[in-house]
Amino acid sequence: MVSFELLINQQMGQYSSGLLVVDENIDTRQLNLQQGWQALTNRFDQQKQLLKSGWTSSFSDFAWPEGFAPEAIIYRISKEKAVVNHLINLAAEKLTDGAKFVLLGDRSEGIKSYSKSAQKRLSGERSEKKLGGDSWIVELTLGASRGVELDDQDYAKVRSVSQVGMHSLLSKPGVYGWKKVDKGSEQLIQRLPFMLQSQLPLGNLTLLDLGSGSGYLSLAAAGTQTQISATDNNAAAALATRQTLQQAGMDVDFHFSDAGAELDSKFDLILCNPPFHSGFGVDYDLTDRFSKNAARLLKADGRACFVVNQHVPLKRIASNYFNAVELDQDSGSFCTYLLTKPKI
């Protein structure tokens, strides 16, 4: 298997300055710090690691770092097409004459298609090299003009994607599953009255939306007296969560965090639909971290309500951190769990 991190280190050494685009699918611990290089990431955990390693790094919803004119951009392609197209458009707009745009990825991830569309957008030369297995590196240059802008689903726009009761759920490209309400999250909301033995909306309690995405769980569950806190790792999710709840007249205390690790308050109720994919792969370590932090952040008499894909072994994982992990419902696709009596 090709090590994209090793290849990135080699590529960075060929340029005196550059911008490395970092999504969730790069292990930043393996990157060498290169003089003249900056990073751009939309992930809070990646930003923390980059800064720890001494990088100059911008954390945003993939907005160009002001005043930077690099010789090259290196980009390990993202999972979502709209994100990739947004970054190709950004490169076409911001790179200066003579600069290079380097794409890395697997054929199964769409690298060959992105290679062709990026050449049309940048209107320059393209060279491709197979790295072994399914992996490719693509080097593109700028032409004298720019081609037609690629469809990035109006990347910067936060828009209504679903009606939730009296309110709209707002979202945007860059948020996982942004075009619709997640079926697992819907199941969690449907099961909450049974798990809590209380009807929605919630009353006067402290709520943590752990991994908030677009803010659906808070929007669907919280009442006017509920004190909402929300956290996510993704810059796009912060925009969506804040706007979703603000347009519904709900106050939210939003914090960026890595699965809740940076939070220290205690909550009456935690709602969570934890991710189990990191980039293009499955990562059950994410489930472990969400479970561990939920136990740490839950009041002694509090309740944490999780929903996971049926194949995620939440009971085994969460039992390390909770004395009680009860299966509420297995729908055949998703499982809802009530977690109580934290050990931490």
Protein backbone atom coordinates (compact mmCIF):
# COMPACT_ATOMS: atom_id res chain seq x y z
CA MET A 1 0.00 0.00 0.00
CA VAL A 2 1.29 3.46 -0.92
CA SER A 3 2.11 5.79 1.97
CA PHE A 4 0.64 9.12 0.90
CA GLU A 5 2.37 10.80 3.86
CA LEU A 6 5.80 9.65 2.63
CA LEU A 7 4.94 10.81 -0.88
CA ILE A 8 3.76 14.19 0.43
CA ASN A 9 7.06 14.63 2.28
CA GLN A 10 8.96 13.90 -0.93
CA GLN A 11 6.81 16.28 -2.97
CA MET A 12 7.14 19.14 -0.48
CA GLY A 13 10.91 18.92 -0.76
CA GLN A 14 10.69 19.89 -4.44
CA TYR A 15 9.27 23.37 -3.79
CA SER A 16 10.49 26.33 -1.76
CA SER A 17 6.95 27.21 -0.67
CA GLY A 18 3.59 25.53 -0.76
CA LEU A 19 0.18 24.90 0.72
CA LEU A 20 -0.68 21.43 2.00
CA VAL A 21 -4.43 20.81 2.14
CA VAL A 22 -5.23 18.51 5.07
CA ASP A 23 -8.57 16.74 5.34
CA GLU A 24 -9.25 13.84 7.70
CA ASN A 25 -7.45 11.22 5.60
CA ILE A 26 -3.82 12.21 6.29
CA ASP A 27 -1.83 11.13 9.35
CA THR A 28 -0.27 14.50 10.17
CA ARG A 29 2.08 12.88 12.70
CA GLN A 30 4.02 11.42 9.76
CA LEU A 31 4.51 14.73 7.96
CA ASN A 32 7.88 16.46 7.95
CA LEU A 33 7.89 20.17 8.73
CA GLN A 34 9.09 21.97 5.61
CA GLN A 35 10.36 25.54 5.53
CA GLY A 36 8.15 27.75 3.37
CA TRP A 37 5.15 25.43 3.64
CA GLN A 38 1.82 26.10 5.30
CA ALA A 39 -1.16 23.85 5.93
CA LEU A 40 -4.88 24.43 5.45
CA THR A 41 -7.31 22.15 7.27
CA ASN A 42 -10.99 21.98 8.14
CA ARG A 43 -10.47 19.51 11.00
CA PHE A 44 -9.84 20.67 14.56
CA ASP A 45 -7.84 17.56 15.54
CA GLN A 46 -5.60 17.95 12.50
CA GLN A 47 -5.06 21.62 13.32
CA LYS A 48 -4.00 20.72 16.87
CA GLN A 49 -1.48 18.17 15.63
CA LEU A 50 -0.11 20.47 12.93
CA LEU A 51 0.46 23.30 15.40
CA LYS A 52 2.03 20.87 17.87
CA SER A 53 4.45 19.83 15.14
CA GLY A 54 5.43 23.44 14.47
CA TRP A 55 3.44 24.09 11.29
CA THR A 56 1.95 27.38 10.25
CA SER A 57 -1.62 26.23 9.68
CA SER A 58 -4.99 27.80 8.92
CA PHE A 59 -8.14 26.23 10.36
CA SER A 60 -11.30 27.09 8.43
CA ASP A 61 -13.97 25.69 6.15
CA PHE A 62 -11.27 25.58 3.47
CA ALA A 63 -10.93 29.33 3.00
CA TRP A 64 -7.72 30.50 1.35
CA PRO A 65 -5.06 31.83 3.78
CA GLU A 66 -4.84 35.55 3.09
CA GLY A 67 -1.72 36.90 1.45
CA PHE A 68 -0.13 33.53 0.70
CA ALA A 69 1.13 32.85 -2.84
CA PRO A 70 2.69 29.37 -2.84
CA GLU A 71 4.66 27.65 -5.58
CA ALA A 72 2.51 24.56 -5.19
CA ILE A 73 -0.56 23.04 -3.59
CA ILE A 74 -0.53 19.40 -2.53
CA TYR A 75 -3.92 17.81 -1.87
CA ARG A 76 -4.79 14.26 -0.86
CA ILE A 77 -8.33 14.18 -2.22
CA SER A 78 -11.29 14.20 0.15
CA LYS A 79 -14.17 11.76 0.33
CA GLU A 80 -16.86 14.25 -0.75
CA LYS A 81 -16.99 15.40 -4.38
CA ALA A 82 -18.22 18.90 -3.53
CA VAL A 83 -15.21 19.44 -1.25
CA VAL A 84 -12.77 18.28 -3.93
CA ASN A 85 -14.37 20.50 -6.56
CA HIS A 86 -14.34 23.46 -4.15
CA LEU A 87 -10.61 23.03 -3.61
CA ILE A 88 -9.93 22.66 -7.33
CA ASN A 89 -11.88 25.89 -7.92
CA LEU A 90 -9.91 27.55 -5.12
CA ALA A 91 -6.63 26.50 -6.69
CA ALA A 92 -7.74 27.89 -10.06
CA GLU A 93 -8.63 31.22 -8.45
CA LYS A 94 -5.66 31.65 -6.12
CA LEU A 95 -2.60 30.04 -7.68
CA THR A 96 -0.29 32.33 -9.62
CA ASP A 97 1.45 31.71 -12.95
CA GLY A 98 4.05 28.96 -12.75
CA ALA A 99 2.55 27.30 -9.68
CA LYS A 100 1.73 23.58 -9.55
CA PHE A 101 -1.31 21.73 -8.22
CA VAL A 102 -0.58 18.17 -7.08
CA LEU A 103 -3.41 15.71 -6.45
CA LEU A 104 -3.02 12.35 -4.70
CA GLY A 105 -5.54 9.55 -4.39
CA ASP A 106 -6.79 6.17 -5.49
CA ARG A 107 -8.68 5.32 -8.66
CA SER A 108 -11.54 3.98 -6.52
CA GLU A 109 -11.75 7.41 -4.85
CA GLY A 110 -12.16 9.17 -8.20
CA ILE A 111 -8.62 10.49 -8.72
CA LYS A 112 -8.69 9.85 -12.48
CA SER A 113 -11.94 11.76 -12.92
CA TYR A 114 -10.73 14.62 -10.72
CA SER A 115 -7.51 14.74 -12.72
CA LYS A 116 -9.41 15.42 -15.94
CA SER A 117 -11.85 17.92 -14.44
CA ALA A 118 -9.02 19.79 -12.69
CA GLN A 119 -7.14 20.12 -15.97
CA LYS A 120 -10.22 21.61 -17.63
CA ARG A 121 -10.62 24.07 -14.75
CA LEU A 122 -6.96 25.11 -14.63
CA SER A 123 -6.57 24.97 -18.44
CA GLY A 124 -2.94 23.88 -18.23
CA GLU A 125 -0.85 20.74 -18.58
CA ARG A 126 -1.50 17.47 -16.78
CA SER A 127 0.80 14.56 -15.97
CA GLU A 128 -0.27 11.37 -14.21
CA LYS A 129 1.83 8.66 -12.60
CA LYS A 130 0.66 5.37 -11.16
CA LEU A 131 2.24 4.78 -7.78
CA GLY A 132 1.40 1.13 -7.35
CA GLY A 133 -1.82 -0.66 -6.61
CA ASP A 134 -4.74 1.72 -7.03
CA SER A 135 -2.88 4.96 -6.22
CA TRP A 136 -1.99 7.86 -8.49
CA ILE A 137 -0.25 11.22 -8.37
CA VAL A 138 -1.38 14.00 -10.71
CA GLU A 139 0.55 17.20 -11.40
CA LEU A 140 -1.27 20.13 -12.99
CA THR A 141 -0.18 23.55 -14.18
CA LEU A 142 -2.11 26.74 -14.83
CA GLY A 143 -2.98 27.80 -18.34
CA ALA A 144 -3.28 31.32 -19.69
CA SER A 145 -6.99 31.39 -18.80
CA ARG A 146 -9.34 29.46 -16.52
CA GLY A 147 -11.96 26.92 -17.47
CA VAL A 148 -15.56 26.66 -16.32
CA GLU A 149 -16.01 26.52 -12.56
CA LEU A 150 -16.61 22.99 -11.27
CA ASP A 151 -19.86 22.13 -9.52
CA ASP A 152 -19.09 22.42 -5.80
CA GLN A 153 -22.77 22.48 -4.80
CA ASP A 154 -22.46 26.19 -3.94
CA TYR A 155 -19.95 25.19 -1.29
CA ALA A 156 -20.06 28.23 0.98
CA LYS A 157 -23.86 28.42 1.18
CA VAL A 158 -25.68 27.20 4.29
CA ARG A 159 -29.18 26.23 3.19
CA SER A 160 -32.34 24.46 4.37
CA VAL A 161 -32.20 20.72 3.70
CA SER A 162 -35.11 19.38 5.76
CA GLN A 163 -38.05 20.45 7.89
CA VAL A 164 -37.87 19.39 11.54
CA GLY A 165 -41.10 20.24 13.31
CA MET A 166 -41.62 23.99 13.00
CA HIS A 167 -38.02 24.66 12.01
CA SER A 168 -35.58 24.07 9.17
CA LEU A 169 -32.44 22.00 9.43
CA LEU A 170 -29.67 23.97 7.75
CA SER A 171 -26.55 22.41 6.30
CA LYS A 172 -23.88 22.74 3.63
CA PRO A 173 -21.30 20.78 1.66
CA GLY A 174 -18.46 19.60 3.86
CA VAL A 175 -20.77 18.30 6.59
CA TYR A 176 -21.05 14.51 6.49
CA GLY A 177 -24.34 13.44 4.88
CA TRP A 178 -25.38 17.08 4.59
CA LYS A 179 -28.19 16.68 2.05
CA LYS A 180 -30.55 14.75 4.32
CA VAL A 181 -31.33 13.78 7.91
CA ASP A 182 -29.34 10.74 8.99
CA LYS A 183 -31.59 7.69 9.49
CA GLY A 184 -29.76 6.73 12.66
CA SER A 185 -30.26 10.19 14.14
CA GLU A 186 -33.96 10.01 13.25
CA GLN A 187 -34.21 6.70 15.09
CA LEU A 188 -32.53 8.20 18.15
CA ILE A 189 -35.03 11.07 18.25
CA GLN A 190 -37.95 8.66 17.82
CA ARG A 191 -36.68 6.52 20.69
CA LEU A 192 -35.74 9.34 23.08
CA PRO A 193 -39.15 9.54 24.82
CA PHE A 194 -38.90 5.82 25.62
CA MET A 195 -35.26 5.99 26.70
CA LEU A 196 -35.82 9.05 28.90
CA GLN A 197 -39.39 8.14 29.91
CA SER A 198 -40.31 11.72 29.10
CA GLN A 199 -41.88 13.40 26.10
CA LEU A 200 -40.06 15.84 23.85
CA PRO A 201 -39.19 18.66 23.79
CA LEU A 202 -36.70 18.48 26.63
CA GLY A 203 -37.13 20.68 29.64
CA ASN A 204 -34.71 22.65 31.80
CA LEU A 205 -31.55 20.57 31.65
CA THR A 206 -28.02 20.76 30.28
CA LEU A 207 -27.64 19.03 26.92
CA LEU A 208 -24.47 18.17 25.02
CA ASP A 209 -24.79 17.43 21.30
CA LEU A 210 -21.58 15.42 20.92
CA GLY A 211 -20.51 15.46 17.26
CA SER A 212 -23.29 17.82 16.26
CA GLY A 213 -22.99 17.78 12.47
CA SER A 214 -25.75 20.13 11.31
CA GLY A 215 -27.39 20.34 14.75
CA TYR A 216 -30.28 17.96 14.03
CA LEU A 217 -30.32 16.20 17.41
CA SER A 218 -30.47 19.47 19.34
CA LEU A 219 -33.04 20.97 16.98
CA ALA A 220 -35.34 17.95 17.24
CA ALA A 221 -34.96 17.34 20.98
CA ALA A 222 -34.38 20.62 22.82
CA GLY A 223 -37.03 22.86 24.34
CA THR A 224 -37.00 26.57 25.06
CA GLN A 225 -35.46 26.05 28.52
CA THR A 226 -32.85 23.50 27.46
CA GLN A 227 -29.27 24.72 27.85
CA ILE A 228 -27.60 23.48 24.67
CA SER A 229 -23.90 22.87 24.18
CA ALA A 230 -22.62 21.41 20.93
CA THR A 231 -19.26 20.28 19.67
CA ASP A 232 -17.75 18.99 16.47
CA ASN A 233 -14.37 18.52 14.83
CA ASN A 234 -15.38 19.95 11.45
CA ALA A 235 -15.36 23.65 10.55
CA ALA A 236 -18.33 23.23 8.19
CA ALA A 237 -20.35 21.56 10.96
CA ALA A 238 -19.83 24.57 13.21
CA LEU A 239 -21.38 26.86 10.61
CA ALA A 240 -24.35 24.54 10.11
CA THR A 241 -25.02 23.84 13.80
CA ARG A 242 -24.88 27.49 14.82
CA GLN A 243 -27.15 28.67 12.01
CA THR A 244 -29.60 25.78 12.42
CA LEU A 245 -30.17 26.54 16.09
CA GLN A 246 -30.02 30.32 15.79
CA GLN A 247 -32.73 30.43 13.12
CA ALA A 248 -34.87 28.28 15.44
CA GLY A 249 -34.43 30.82 18.23
CA MET A 250 -32.24 28.50 20.30
CA ASP A 251 -29.06 29.59 22.02
CA VAL A 252 -26.11 27.24 21.62
CA ASP A 253 -22.68 27.21 23.21
CA PHE A 254 -20.53 25.70 20.46
CA HIS A 255 -16.98 24.46 20.96
CA PHE A 256 -14.59 22.78 18.57
CA SER A 257 -13.22 19.56 19.97
CA ASP A 258 -11.76 16.19 19.10
CA ALA A 259 -14.61 13.86 20.13
CA GLY A 260 -15.27 16.09 23.14
CA ALA A 261 -11.75 15.86 24.59
CA GLU A 262 -11.41 19.63 25.08
CA LEU A 263 -14.65 20.02 27.09
CA ASP A 264 -14.78 19.89 30.87
CA SER A 265 -18.36 20.73 31.91
CA LYS A 266 -20.78 18.09 33.20
CA PHE A 267 -24.11 17.49 31.48
CA ASP A 268 -27.48 16.01 32.39
CA LEU A 269 -27.95 14.52 28.92
CA ILE A 270 -25.60 13.69 26.07
CA LEU A 271 -26.88 12.85 22.58
CA CYS A 272 -24.47 11.27 20.14
CA ASN A 273 -24.39 9.62 16.73
CA PRO A 274 -20.64 9.00 16.60
CA PRO A 275 -18.86 8.65 13.26
CA PHE A 276 -17.17 5.35 12.57
CA HIS A 277 -15.42 6.36 9.36
CA SER A 278 -12.25 8.42 9.17
CA GLY A 279 -11.64 9.51 5.60
CA PHE A 280 -12.10 6.45 3.40
CA GLY A 281 -11.72 3.84 6.18
CA VAL A 282 -13.58 2.40 9.18
CA ASP A 283 -12.19 3.52 12.56
CA TYR A 284 -13.71 2.06 15.74
CA ASP A 285 -11.20 4.07 17.76
CA LEU A 286 -13.56 6.99 17.13
CA THR A 287 -16.35 5.09 18.90
CA ASP A 288 -14.02 4.48 21.83
CA ARG A 289 -13.07 8.14 22.12
CA PHE A 290 -16.66 9.35 21.91
CA SER A 291 -17.72 6.81 24.55
CA LYS A 292 -14.85 7.69 26.88
CA ASN A 293 -15.46 11.43 26.68
CA ALA A 294 -19.21 10.97 27.08
CA ALA A 295 -18.55 9.15 30.36
CA ARG A 296 -16.19 11.88 31.52
CA LEU A 297 -18.63 14.67 30.66
CA LEU A 298 -21.79 13.06 32.03
CA LYS A 299 -23.10 13.87 35.49
CA ALA A 300 -23.17 10.92 37.88
CA ASP A 301 -26.95 10.64 37.53
CA GLY A 302 -26.99 11.74 33.88
CA ARG A 303 -27.90 9.82 30.75
CA ALA A 304 -26.11 9.43 27.45
CA CYS A 305 -28.17 8.30 24.46
CA PHE A 306 -26.21 6.92 21.50
CA VAL A 307 -27.15 5.59 18.10
CA VAL A 308 -24.70 3.56 16.04
CA ASN A 309 -24.61 1.43 12.93
CA GLN A 310 -25.74 -2.09 13.74
CA HIS A 311 -22.23 -3.47 13.20
CA VAL A 312 -20.49 -1.08 15.63
CA PRO A 313 -19.76 -2.97 18.89
CA LEU A 314 -20.84 -0.11 21.16
CA LYS A 315 -21.84 -2.29 24.10
CA ARG A 316 -18.37 -3.84 24.30
CA ILE A 317 -16.61 -0.50 23.83
CA ALA A 318 -18.79 1.66 26.08
CA SER A 319 -18.80 -0.90 28.91
CA ASN A 320 -15.21 0.16 29.58
CA TYR A 321 -16.52 3.58 30.64
CA PHE A 322 -20.11 3.02 31.83
CA ASN A 323 -21.47 0.60 34.42
CA ALA A 324 -24.74 0.35 32.50
CA VAL A 325 -24.99 0.05 28.71
CA GLU A 326 -28.52 -0.93 27.68
CA LEU A 327 -29.63 -1.74 24.14
CA ASP A 328 -32.85 0.17 23.52
CA GLN A 329 -33.68 -0.88 19.95
CA ASP A 330 -32.05 -2.77 17.09
CA SER A 331 -33.88 -1.70 13.93
CA GLY A 332 -31.84 -3.95 11.66
CA SER A 333 -29.78 -0.98 10.50
CA PHE A 334 -29.11 1.04 13.64
CA CYS A 335 -29.00 0.41 17.37
CA THR A 336 -29.94 2.91 20.07
CA TYR A 337 -28.33 2.61 23.50
CA LEU A 338 -28.83 4.19 26.91
CA LEU A 339 -25.55 4.69 28.77
CA THR A 340 -25.63 5.51 32.49
CA LYS A 341 -23.51 5.34 35.66
CA PRO A 342 -20.21 6.58 34.24
CA LYS A 343 -17.06 4.98 35.65
CA ILE A 344 -14.91 8.06 35.00
